PDB file of all heavy atoms in Angstrom:
ATOM      1  N   CYS A   1    -207.137-235.001 132.287  1.00  0.00           N
ATOM      2  CA  CYS A   1    -206.658-236.298 132.782  1.00  0.00           C
ATOM      3  C   CYS A   1    -206.219-236.136 134.237  1.00  0.00           C
ATOM      4  O   CYS A   1    -205.020-235.969 134.521  1.00  0.00           O
ATOM      5  CB  CYS A   1    -205.501-236.806 131.933  1.00  0.00           C
ATOM      6  SG  CYS A   1    -205.889-237.055 130.192  1.00  0.00           S
ATOM      7  N   PRO A   2    -207.149-236.156 135.185  1.00  0.00           N
ATOM      8  CA  PRO A   2    -206.810-235.832 136.574  1.00  0.00           C
ATOM      9  C   PRO A   2    -205.714-236.697 137.184  1.00  0.00           C
ATOM     10  O   PRO A   2    -204.819-236.180 137.860  1.00  0.00           O
ATOM     11  CB  PRO A   2    -208.145-236.023 137.303  1.00  0.00           C
ATOM     12  CG  PRO A   2    -209.182-235.836 136.252  1.00  0.00           C
ATOM     13  CD  PRO A   2    -208.584-236.418 135.012  1.00  0.00           C
ATOM     14  N   ASP A   3    -205.774-238.024 136.982  1.00  0.00           N
ATOM     15  CA  ASP A   3    -204.800-238.889 137.640  1.00  0.00           C
ATOM     16  C   ASP A   3    -203.412-238.752 137.025  1.00  0.00           C
ATOM     17  O   ASP A   3    -202.401-238.694 137.751  1.00  0.00           O
ATOM     18  CB  ASP A   3    -205.270-240.345 137.588  1.00  0.00           C
ATOM     19  CG  ASP A   3    -206.375-240.627 138.606  1.00  0.00           C
ATOM     20  OD1 ASP A   3    -206.820-239.673 139.271  1.00  0.00           O
ATOM     21  OD2 ASP A   3    -206.791-241.789 138.728  1.00  0.00           O
ATOM     22  N   LEU A   4    -203.324-238.709 135.708  1.00  0.00           N
ATOM     23  CA  LEU A   4    -202.023-238.519 135.069  1.00  0.00           C
ATOM     24  C   LEU A   4    -201.406-237.202 135.514  1.00  0.00           C
ATOM     25  O   LEU A   4    -200.204-237.127 135.825  1.00  0.00           O
ATOM     26  CB  LEU A   4    -202.164-238.538 133.549  1.00  0.00           C
ATOM     27  CG  LEU A   4    -202.559-239.859 132.889  1.00  0.00           C
ATOM     28  CD1 LEU A   4    -202.686-239.667 131.379  1.00  0.00           C
ATOM     29  CD2 LEU A   4    -201.557-240.965 133.197  1.00  0.00           C
ATOM     30  N   ASP A   5    -202.218-236.154 135.558  1.00  0.00           N
ATOM     31  CA  ASP A   5    -201.687-234.845 135.927  1.00  0.00           C
ATOM     32  C   ASP A   5    -201.271-234.793 137.392  1.00  0.00           C
ATOM     33  O   ASP A   5    -200.270-234.162 137.740  1.00  0.00           O
ATOM     34  CB  ASP A   5    -202.725-233.760 135.642  1.00  0.00           C
ATOM     35  CG  ASP A   5    -202.930-233.543 134.147  1.00  0.00           C
ATOM     36  OD1 ASP A   5    -202.090-234.015 133.358  1.00  0.00           O
ATOM     37  OD2 ASP A   5    -203.936-232.912 133.776  1.00  0.00           O
ATOM     38  N   THR A   6    -202.032-235.466 138.258  1.00  0.00           N
ATOM     39  CA  THR A   6    -201.669-235.464 139.674  1.00  0.00           C
ATOM     40  C   THR A   6    -200.321-236.149 139.896  1.00  0.00           C
ATOM     41  O   THR A   6    -199.494-235.673 140.680  1.00  0.00           O
ATOM     42  CB  THR A   6    -202.770-236.151 140.506  1.00  0.00           C
ATOM     43  OG1 THR A   6    -203.973-235.371 140.411  1.00  0.00           O
ATOM     44  CG2 THR A   6    -202.372-236.258 141.969  1.00  0.00           C
ATOM     45  N   VAL A   7    -200.085-237.253 139.204  1.00  0.00           N
ATOM     46  CA  VAL A   7    -198.774-237.903 139.288  1.00  0.00           C
ATOM     47  C   VAL A   7    -197.686-236.981 138.750  1.00  0.00           C
ATOM     48  O   VAL A   7    -196.634-236.797 139.375  1.00  0.00           O
ATOM     49  CB  VAL A   7    -198.782-239.244 138.518  1.00  0.00           C
ATOM     50  CG1 VAL A   7    -197.366-239.814 138.402  1.00  0.00           C
ATOM     51  CG2 VAL A   7    -199.697-240.251 139.207  1.00  0.00           C
ATOM     52  N   MET A   8    -197.936-236.384 137.597  1.00  0.00           N
ATOM     53  CA  MET A   8    -196.953-235.516 136.948  1.00  0.00           C
ATOM     54  C   MET A   8    -196.626-234.296 137.810  1.00  0.00           C
ATOM     55  O   MET A   8    -195.460-233.956 138.021  1.00  0.00           O
ATOM     56  CB  MET A   8    -197.493-235.082 135.584  1.00  0.00           C
ATOM     57  CG  MET A   8    -196.547-234.257 134.749  1.00  0.00           C
ATOM     58  SD  MET A   8    -197.221-233.961 133.091  1.00  0.00           S
ATOM     59  CE  MET A   8    -198.594-232.845 133.483  1.00  0.00           C
ATOM     60  N   TYR A   9    -197.654-233.635 138.332  1.00  0.00           N
ATOM     61  CA  TYR A   9    -197.433-232.451 139.161  1.00  0.00           C
ATOM     62  C   TYR A   9    -196.761-232.805 140.489  1.00  0.00           C
ATOM     63  O   TYR A   9    -195.865-232.100 140.958  1.00  0.00           O
ATOM     64  CB  TYR A   9    -198.761-231.750 139.466  1.00  0.00           C
ATOM     65  CG  TYR A   9    -199.469-231.107 138.301  1.00  0.00           C
ATOM     66  CD1 TYR A   9    -200.853-230.898 138.350  1.00  0.00           C
ATOM     67  CD2 TYR A   9    -198.798-230.692 137.158  1.00  0.00           C
ATOM     68  CE1 TYR A   9    -201.535-230.297 137.304  1.00  0.00           C
ATOM     69  CE2 TYR A   9    -199.474-230.098 136.104  1.00  0.00           C
ATOM     70  CZ  TYR A   9    -200.843-229.899 136.184  1.00  0.00           C
ATOM     71  OH  TYR A   9    -201.524-229.298 135.147  1.00  0.00           O
ATOM     72  N   THR A  10    -197.221-233.901 141.110  1.00  0.00           N
ATOM     73  CA  THR A  10    -196.662-234.278 142.419  1.00  0.00           C
ATOM     74  C   THR A  10    -195.177-234.594 142.315  1.00  0.00           C
ATOM     75  O   THR A  10    -194.363-234.103 143.101  1.00  0.00           O
ATOM     76  CB  THR A  10    -197.423-235.479 143.006  1.00  0.00           C
ATOM     77  OG1 THR A  10    -198.798-235.137 143.171  1.00  0.00           O
ATOM     78  CG2 THR A  10    -196.843-235.888 144.360  1.00  0.00           C
ATOM     79  N   LEU A  11    -194.820-235.418 141.334  1.00  0.00           N
ATOM     80  CA  LEU A  11    -193.418-235.821 141.197  1.00  0.00           C
ATOM     81  C   LEU A  11    -192.572-234.715 140.574  1.00  0.00           C
ATOM     82  O   LEU A  11    -191.357-234.706 140.729  1.00  0.00           O
ATOM     83  CB  LEU A  11    -193.320-237.097 140.367  1.00  0.00           C
ATOM     84  CG  LEU A  11    -194.058-238.320 140.928  1.00  0.00           C
ATOM     85  CD1 LEU A  11    -193.786-239.545 140.074  1.00  0.00           C
ATOM     86  CD2 LEU A  11    -193.676-238.582 142.378  1.00  0.00           C
ATOM     87  N   GLY A  12    -193.221-233.783 139.882  1.00  0.00           N
ATOM     88  CA  GLY A  12    -192.495-232.691 139.242  1.00  0.00           C
ATOM     89  C   GLY A  12    -192.416-231.427 140.067  1.00  0.00           C
ATOM     90  O   GLY A  12    -191.820-230.430 139.626  1.00  0.00           O
ATOM     91  N   GLY A  13    -193.013-231.427 141.265  1.00  0.00           N
ATOM     92  CA  GLY A  13    -192.900-230.278 142.156  1.00  0.00           C
ATOM     93  C   GLY A  13    -193.893-229.167 141.908  1.00  0.00           C
ATOM     94  O   GLY A  13    -193.702-228.053 142.404  1.00  0.00           O
ATOM     95  N   GLY A  14    -194.996-229.454 141.200  1.00  0.00           N
ATOM     96  CA  GLY A  14    -195.957-228.398 140.912  1.00  0.00           C
ATOM     97  C   GLY A  14    -197.312-228.579 141.558  1.00  0.00           C
ATOM     98  O   GLY A  14    -198.230-227.796 141.305  1.00  0.00           O
ATOM     99  N   ILE A  15    -197.452-229.582 142.432  1.00  0.00           N
ATOM    100  CA  ILE A  15    -198.759-229.904 142.992  1.00  0.00           C
ATOM    101  C   ILE A  15    -199.139-228.959 144.127  1.00  0.00           C
ATOM    102  O   ILE A  15    -198.262-228.431 144.835  1.00  0.00           O
ATOM    103  CB  ILE A  15    -198.778-231.374 143.513  1.00  0.00           C
ATOM    104  CG1 ILE A  15    -200.221-231.883 143.698  1.00  0.00           C
ATOM    105  CG2 ILE A  15    -197.996-231.494 144.822  1.00  0.00           C
ATOM    106  CD1 ILE A  15    -200.912-232.172 142.422  1.00  0.00           C
ATOM    107  N   ASN A  16    -200.421-228.729 144.283  1.00  0.00           N
ATOM    108  CA  ASN A  16    -200.927-228.041 145.471  1.00  0.00           C
ATOM    109  C   ASN A  16    -200.909-229.052 146.616  1.00  0.00           C
ATOM    110  O   ASN A  16    -201.744-229.953 146.665  1.00  0.00           O
ATOM    111  CB  ASN A  16    -202.348-227.530 145.216  1.00  0.00           C
ATOM    112  CG  ASN A  16    -202.928-226.751 146.384  1.00  0.00           C
ATOM    113  OD1 ASN A  16    -202.819-227.169 147.534  1.00  0.00           O
ATOM    114  ND2 ASN A  16    -203.569-225.637 146.095  1.00  0.00           N
ATOM    115  N   GLU A  17    -199.959-228.927 147.507  1.00  0.00           N
ATOM    116  CA  GLU A  17    -199.747-229.942 148.536  1.00  0.00           C
ATOM    117  C   GLU A  17    -200.936-230.066 149.486  1.00  0.00           C
ATOM    118  O   GLU A  17    -201.261-231.157 149.946  1.00  0.00           O
ATOM    119  CB  GLU A  17    -198.481-229.625 149.336  1.00  0.00           C
ATOM    120  CG  GLU A  17    -197.199-229.796 148.554  1.00  0.00           C
ATOM    121  CD  GLU A  17    -196.841-231.259 148.298  1.00  0.00           C
ATOM    122  OE1 GLU A  17    -197.508-232.144 148.885  1.00  0.00           O
ATOM    123  OE2 GLU A  17    -195.914-231.514 147.524  1.00  0.00           O
ATOM    124  N   GLU A  18    -201.573-228.948 149.794  1.00  0.00           N
ATOM    125  CA  GLU A  18    -202.655-228.981 150.774  1.00  0.00           C
ATOM    126  C   GLU A  18    -203.832-229.800 150.282  1.00  0.00           C
ATOM    127  O   GLU A  18    -204.380-230.629 151.018  1.00  0.00           O
ATOM    128  CB  GLU A  18    -203.114-227.558 151.097  1.00  0.00           C
ATOM    129  CG  GLU A  18    -204.205-227.507 152.151  1.00  0.00           C
ATOM    130  CD  GLU A  18    -204.587-226.085 152.525  1.00  0.00           C
ATOM    131  OE1 GLU A  18    -203.878-225.145 152.116  1.00  0.00           O
ATOM    132  OE2 GLU A  18    -205.606-225.921 153.230  1.00  0.00           O
ATOM    133  N   GLN A  19    -204.241-229.593 149.021  1.00  0.00           N
ATOM    134  CA  GLN A  19    -205.402-230.329 148.532  1.00  0.00           C
ATOM    135  C   GLN A  19    -205.023-231.612 147.802  1.00  0.00           C
ATOM    136  O   GLN A  19    -205.853-232.505 147.628  1.00  0.00           O
ATOM    137  CB  GLN A  19    -206.260-229.440 147.630  1.00  0.00           C
ATOM    138  CG  GLN A  19    -205.572-228.932 146.391  1.00  0.00           C
ATOM    139  CD  GLN A  19    -206.398-227.856 145.677  1.00  0.00           C
ATOM    140  OE1 GLN A  19    -207.267-227.223 146.288  1.00  0.00           O
ATOM    141  NE2 GLN A  19    -206.151-227.652 144.396  1.00  0.00           N
ATOM    142  N   GLY A  20    -203.764-231.732 147.366  1.00  0.00           N
ATOM    143  CA  GLY A  20    -203.301-232.962 146.735  1.00  0.00           C
ATOM    144  C   GLY A  20    -203.595-233.051 145.259  1.00  0.00           C
ATOM    145  O   GLY A  20    -203.217-234.027 144.615  1.00  0.00           O
ATOM    146  N   TRP A  21    -204.260-232.052 144.678  1.00  0.00           N
ATOM    147  CA  TRP A  21    -204.545-232.026 143.247  1.00  0.00           C
ATOM    148  C   TRP A  21    -204.422-230.575 142.770  1.00  0.00           C
ATOM    149  O   TRP A  21    -204.431-229.636 143.574  1.00  0.00           O
ATOM    150  CB  TRP A  21    -205.941-232.563 142.943  1.00  0.00           C
ATOM    151  CG  TRP A  21    -207.048-231.864 143.708  1.00  0.00           C
ATOM    152  CD1 TRP A  21    -207.552-232.216 144.935  1.00  0.00           C
ATOM    153  CD2 TRP A  21    -207.756-230.677 143.309  1.00  0.00           C
ATOM    154  NE1 TRP A  21    -208.528-231.335 145.323  1.00  0.00           N
ATOM    155  CE2 TRP A  21    -208.682-230.380 144.347  1.00  0.00           C
ATOM    156  CE3 TRP A  21    -207.707-229.845 142.199  1.00  0.00           C
ATOM    157  CZ2 TRP A  21    -209.541-229.295 144.304  1.00  0.00           C
ATOM    158  CZ3 TRP A  21    -208.564-228.756 142.138  1.00  0.00           C
ATOM    159  CH2 TRP A  21    -209.467-228.488 143.166  1.00  0.00           C
ATOM    160  N   GLY A  22    -204.299-230.410 141.469  1.00  0.00           N
ATOM    161  CA  GLY A  22    -204.172-229.059 140.933  1.00  0.00           C
ATOM    162  C   GLY A  22    -202.798-228.464 141.162  1.00  0.00           C
ATOM    163  O   GLY A  22    -201.920-229.067 141.779  1.00  0.00           O
ATOM    164  N   ARG A  23    -202.632-227.245 140.695  1.00  0.00           N
ATOM    165  CA  ARG A  23    -201.332-226.578 140.732  1.00  0.00           C
ATOM    166  C   ARG A  23    -201.152-225.729 141.982  1.00  0.00           C
ATOM    167  O   ARG A  23    -202.099-225.181 142.542  1.00  0.00           O
ATOM    168  CB  ARG A  23    -201.183-225.697 139.491  1.00  0.00           C
ATOM    169  CG  ARG A  23    -201.084-226.463 138.176  1.00  0.00           C
ATOM    170  CD  ARG A  23    -199.730-227.120 138.038  1.00  0.00           C
ATOM    171  NE  ARG A  23    -198.680-226.130 138.189  1.00  0.00           N
ATOM    172  CZ  ARG A  23    -198.302-225.275 137.231  1.00  0.00           C
ATOM    173  NH1 ARG A  23    -198.899-225.311 136.039  1.00  0.00           N
ATOM    174  NH2 ARG A  23    -197.339-224.408 137.441  1.00  0.00           N
ATOM    175  N   THR A  24    -199.909-225.598 142.386  1.00  0.00           N
ATOM    176  CA  THR A  24    -199.575-224.673 143.458  1.00  0.00           C
ATOM    177  C   THR A  24    -199.669-223.240 142.945  1.00  0.00           C
ATOM    178  O   THR A  24    -199.539-222.979 141.748  1.00  0.00           O
ATOM    179  CB  THR A  24    -198.159-224.967 143.987  1.00  0.00           C
ATOM    180  OG1 THR A  24    -197.914-224.164 145.142  1.00  0.00           O
ATOM    181  CG2 THR A  24    -197.089-224.669 142.950  1.00  0.00           C
ATOM    182  N   ASP A  25    -199.926-222.310 143.863  1.00  0.00           N
ATOM    183  CA  ASP A  25    -200.035-220.881 143.520  1.00  0.00           C
ATOM    184  C   ASP A  25    -201.020-220.655 142.380  1.00  0.00           C
ATOM    185  O   ASP A  25    -200.774-219.860 141.465  1.00  0.00           O
ATOM    186  CB  ASP A  25    -198.660-220.306 143.150  1.00  0.00           C
ATOM    187  CG  ASP A  25    -197.662-220.397 144.292  1.00  0.00           C
ATOM    188  OD1 ASP A  25    -198.082-220.231 145.447  1.00  0.00           O
ATOM    189  OD2 ASP A  25    -196.474-220.656 144.022  1.00  0.00           O
ATOM    190  N   GLU A  26    -202.144-221.338 142.453  1.00  0.00           N
ATOM    191  CA  GLU A  26    -203.134-221.282 141.382  1.00  0.00           C
ATOM    192  C   GLU A  26    -203.977-220.015 141.465  1.00  0.00           C
ATOM    193  O   GLU A  26    -204.160-219.434 142.541  1.00  0.00           O
ATOM    194  CB  GLU A  26    -204.026-222.531 141.473  1.00  0.00           C
ATOM    195  CG  GLU A  26    -204.989-222.722 140.311  1.00  0.00           C
ATOM    196  CD  GLU A  26    -204.294-222.857 138.976  1.00  0.00           C
ATOM    197  OE1 GLU A  26    -203.928-221.816 138.403  1.00  0.00           O
ATOM    198  OE2 GLU A  26    -204.119-223.999 138.515  1.00  0.00           O
ATOM    199  N   THR A  27    -204.481-219.576 140.324  1.00  0.00           N
ATOM    200  CA  THR A  27    -205.469-218.511 140.243  1.00  0.00           C
ATOM    201  C   THR A  27    -206.652-219.036 139.441  1.00  0.00           C
ATOM    202  O   THR A  27    -206.563-220.069 138.779  1.00  0.00           O
ATOM    203  CB  THR A  27    -204.890-217.261 139.566  1.00  0.00           C
ATOM    204  OG1 THR A  27    -204.340-217.619 138.282  1.00  0.00           O
ATOM    205  CG2 THR A  27    -203.781-216.635 140.430  1.00  0.00           C
ATOM    206  N   TRP A  28    -207.783-218.300 139.485  1.00  0.00           N
ATOM    207  CA  TRP A  28    -209.029-218.855 138.972  1.00  0.00           C
ATOM    208  C   TRP A  28    -209.779-217.903 138.042  1.00  0.00           C
ATOM    209  O   TRP A  28    -210.996-217.922 137.959  1.00  0.00           O
ATOM    210  CB  TRP A  28    -209.924-219.253 140.156  1.00  0.00           C
ATOM    211  CG  TRP A  28    -209.238-220.202 141.075  1.00  0.00           C
ATOM    212  CD1 TRP A  28    -208.457-219.895 142.151  1.00  0.00           C
ATOM    213  CD2 TRP A  28    -209.216-221.628 140.975  1.00  0.00           C
ATOM    214  NE1 TRP A  28    -207.967-221.039 142.734  1.00  0.00           N
ATOM    215  CE2 TRP A  28    -208.427-222.117 142.032  1.00  0.00           C
ATOM    216  CE3 TRP A  28    -209.819-222.526 140.095  1.00  0.00           C
ATOM    217  CZ2 TRP A  28    -208.204-223.471 142.226  1.00  0.00           C
ATOM    218  CZ3 TRP A  28    -209.605-223.878 140.290  1.00  0.00           C
ATOM    219  CH2 TRP A  28    -208.807-224.340 141.345  1.00  0.00           C
ATOM    220  N   SER A  29    -209.048-217.096 137.321  1.00  0.00           N
ATOM    221  CA  SER A  29    -209.679-216.088 136.460  1.00  0.00           C
ATOM    222  C   SER A  29    -210.505-216.719 135.344  1.00  0.00           C
ATOM    223  O   SER A  29    -211.611-216.265 135.039  1.00  0.00           O
ATOM    224  CB  SER A  29    -208.611-215.171 135.851  1.00  0.00           C
ATOM    225  OG  SER A  29    -207.915-214.487 136.866  1.00  0.00           O
ATOM    226  N   ILE A  30    -209.972-217.749 134.700  1.00  0.00           N
ATOM    227  CA  ILE A  30    -210.691-218.354 133.576  1.00  0.00           C
ATOM    228  C   ILE A  30    -212.005-218.960 134.057  1.00  0.00           C
ATOM    229  O   ILE A  30    -213.059-218.755 133.431  1.00  0.00           O
ATOM    230  CB  ILE A  30    -209.835-219.430 132.877  1.00  0.00           C
ATOM    231  CG1 ILE A  30    -208.563-218.795 132.292  1.00  0.00           C
ATOM    232  CG2 ILE A  30    -210.640-220.115 131.784  1.00  0.00           C
ATOM    233  CD1 ILE A  30    -207.616-219.799 131.670  1.00  0.00           C
ATOM    234  N   LYS A  31    -211.966-219.670 135.165  1.00  0.00           N
ATOM    235  CA  LYS A  31    -213.184-220.282 135.680  1.00  0.00           C
ATOM    236  C   LYS A  31    -214.223-219.210 136.017  1.00  0.00           C
ATOM    237  O   LYS A  31    -215.422-219.382 135.749  1.00  0.00           O
ATOM    238  CB  LYS A  31    -212.881-221.132 136.914  1.00  0.00           C
ATOM    239  CG  LYS A  31    -214.097-221.887 137.422  1.00  0.00           C
ATOM    240  CD  LYS A  31    -213.769-222.756 138.613  1.00  0.00           C
ATOM    241  CE  LYS A  31    -215.012-223.508 139.072  1.00  0.00           C
ATOM    242  NZ  LYS A  31    -214.766-224.309 140.287  1.00  0.00           N
ATOM    243  N   ALA A  32    -213.771-218.093 136.594  1.00  0.00           N
ATOM    244  CA  ALA A  32    -214.686-217.005 136.928  1.00  0.00           C
ATOM    245  C   ALA A  32    -215.318-216.411 135.676  1.00  0.00           C
ATOM    246  O   ALA A  32    -216.515-216.097 135.645  1.00  0.00           O
ATOM    247  CB  ALA A  32    -213.944-215.925 137.716  1.00  0.00           C
ATOM    248  N   GLU A  33    -214.519-216.262 134.625  1.00  0.00           N
ATOM    249  CA  GLU A  33    -215.046-215.715 133.371  1.00  0.00           C
ATOM    250  C   GLU A  33    -216.031-216.689 132.720  1.00  0.00           C
ATOM    251  O   GLU A  33    -217.057-216.277 132.165  1.00  0.00           O
ATOM    252  CB  GLU A  33    -213.901-215.409 132.403  1.00  0.00           C
ATOM    253  CG  GLU A  33    -213.103-214.171 132.770  1.00  0.00           C
ATOM    254  CD  GLU A  33    -213.965-212.910 132.738  1.00  0.00           C
ATOM    255  OE1 GLU A  33    -214.637-212.672 131.712  1.00  0.00           O
ATOM    256  OE2 GLU A  33    -213.975-212.189 133.747  1.00  0.00           O
ATOM    257  N   MET A  34    -215.726-217.997 132.782  1.00  0.00           N
ATOM    258  CA  MET A  34    -216.641-218.984 132.228  1.00  0.00           C
ATOM    259  C   MET A  34    -217.988-218.925 132.957  1.00  0.00           C
ATOM    260  O   MET A  34    -219.056-219.044 132.341  1.00  0.00           O
ATOM    261  CB  MET A  34    -216.037-220.386 132.327  1.00  0.00           C
ATOM    262  CG  MET A  34    -214.741-220.569 131.550  1.00  0.00           C
ATOM    263  SD  MET A  34    -214.910-220.319 129.770  1.00  0.00           S
ATOM    264  CE  MET A  34    -215.631-221.885 129.293  1.00  0.00           C
ATOM    265  N   LYS A  35    -217.941-218.717 134.262  1.00  0.00           N
ATOM    266  CA  LYS A  35    -219.173-218.613 135.044  1.00  0.00           C
ATOM    267  C   LYS A  35    -219.989-217.410 134.592  1.00  0.00           C
ATOM    268  O   LYS A  35    -221.221-217.470 134.505  1.00  0.00           O
ATOM    269  CB  LYS A  35    -218.840-218.510 136.531  1.00  0.00           C
ATOM    270  CG  LYS A  35    -220.071-218.434 137.425  1.00  0.00           C
ATOM    271  CD  LYS A  35    -219.681-218.366 138.896  1.00  0.00           C
ATOM    272  CE  LYS A  35    -220.929-218.280 139.776  1.00  0.00           C
ATOM    273  NZ  LYS A  35    -220.572-218.208 141.217  1.00  0.00           N
TER     274      LYS A  35
END
C-alpha cells in the first residue's frame, strides 16, 4: 500500500526524506536474493 505507507512513514519519522518514499537507512538484501 504505497500511499498509506508513505503517509505513515512520513508522519511517523521513518521516511527516506531524499526520495520521499520507502524507509530511511534501508537495505536491499531481500530484493537482491529475489533477483
